[in-house]
Amino acid sequence: MKHKTSITIIILSMFLITQFIGLLVIHAYSPISQTIVNPQTGETEKLSIPQELPFGFSADEEAKPGLFSIIFSFIIAITLISILIRYKWKSAIRIWFFAVTVIALAITLNALLKISFTNSSLISLAIALPFGFLKVFRPSMIIHNATELLIYPGISVIFIPLLNFWTIIILLIIISIYDMWAVWHSGIMQKMAKFQMEELKVFGGFFIPYIPKELKAKIKKLKNSKSKSISKKEKEKNKKIKVNLAILGGGDVVFPLITAGVFLRAFGLIPALLVIAGAFAGLLFLLVSSEKKKFYPAMPFITVGIFLGIIISWLFFM
């Protein structure tokens, strides 16, 4: 196991909580079905009334872009981020992170508040702005991870109307292949994560720093020792403690949620839950079987789990 059990449980819990929050948000923005009687024919007809996303992000489900258009958009986004990181345009990247954070948070909060407030979008934006500022410009582990729980549901509802069963399947395969190439071949994922953590102090995903048991023992020894037997040089050496970091990239969280959202709208709650269960099982297998000090692409494991969930859904519920 790459990380200790308690850290693995926390990572898995945050992943699962985000998925369930996402289902609530996706449901809140799902089209409403109404049955009406056609006055001319006298027959009953079902209407699907779309729910509007705030801030002009509503997608026209009748005019979905093709798969290649969606893939091309992802390629542009990844290329742009890579260029910004290569030339270390930190201010531009932080502004980008801030804008995405605020918009995604506001979309999620609006889904939770619109039942009770008439001006829910403005209230959501007012709440999202300070949290987005703290996340990007005054980062802390608690604020970062807490906002991540709400960011991915907001992002997912923008993309779900653009996808269907086959496009999301193909997209998962492509993303998984890219993830393997980026981690095992080019190492671009590690470089991007390192740059975000060390220079930007902002990371797109969950992260939990922790200290291994053996280092904790050294720290305790250093704190409790007032003996002259421990030299000044040794104390200075022990002050430089290497902290381990458990991370889960944002794509590893949002793509399963987008898939679950597509299945929720097309086939219902049970298939969507099975997608999440499959993704969770794939992530669990990775975290339990992975080795320390090695990097792994999570999406291939998550995608295999999702496909198993889809097969079970197809056999029993679809």
Foldseek 3Di string as FASTA:
>chain_A
DADDPVVLVVQLVLLLLLLVLLVLLLVLQFWDWDWDQDPVPRDIDIDTHGHDFPPPLDDDLVDADDLVVVVVVVVVVVVVLVVCLVVVVLVVVLVVQLVLLLQQQLRSQLSVCVVPDVPSSVVSSVVRNVLSCCCQPVNDQVSVSVSLSRRLSSVLSSCLSNDADVSLLVVLVVVLVVLCCCVVPVVVVVSSQCCCVPPRVHAAWHKDKAADPVLVVVVVCLVPDPDPVQDPVNSVVSVPGDIDMDTDHNVLRNSLSNNLSNCCNVFRNQLSVLLSVLLSVLQSCCVVPDHHPGDDRSSVSSSVRNVVSNVVCVVPRD
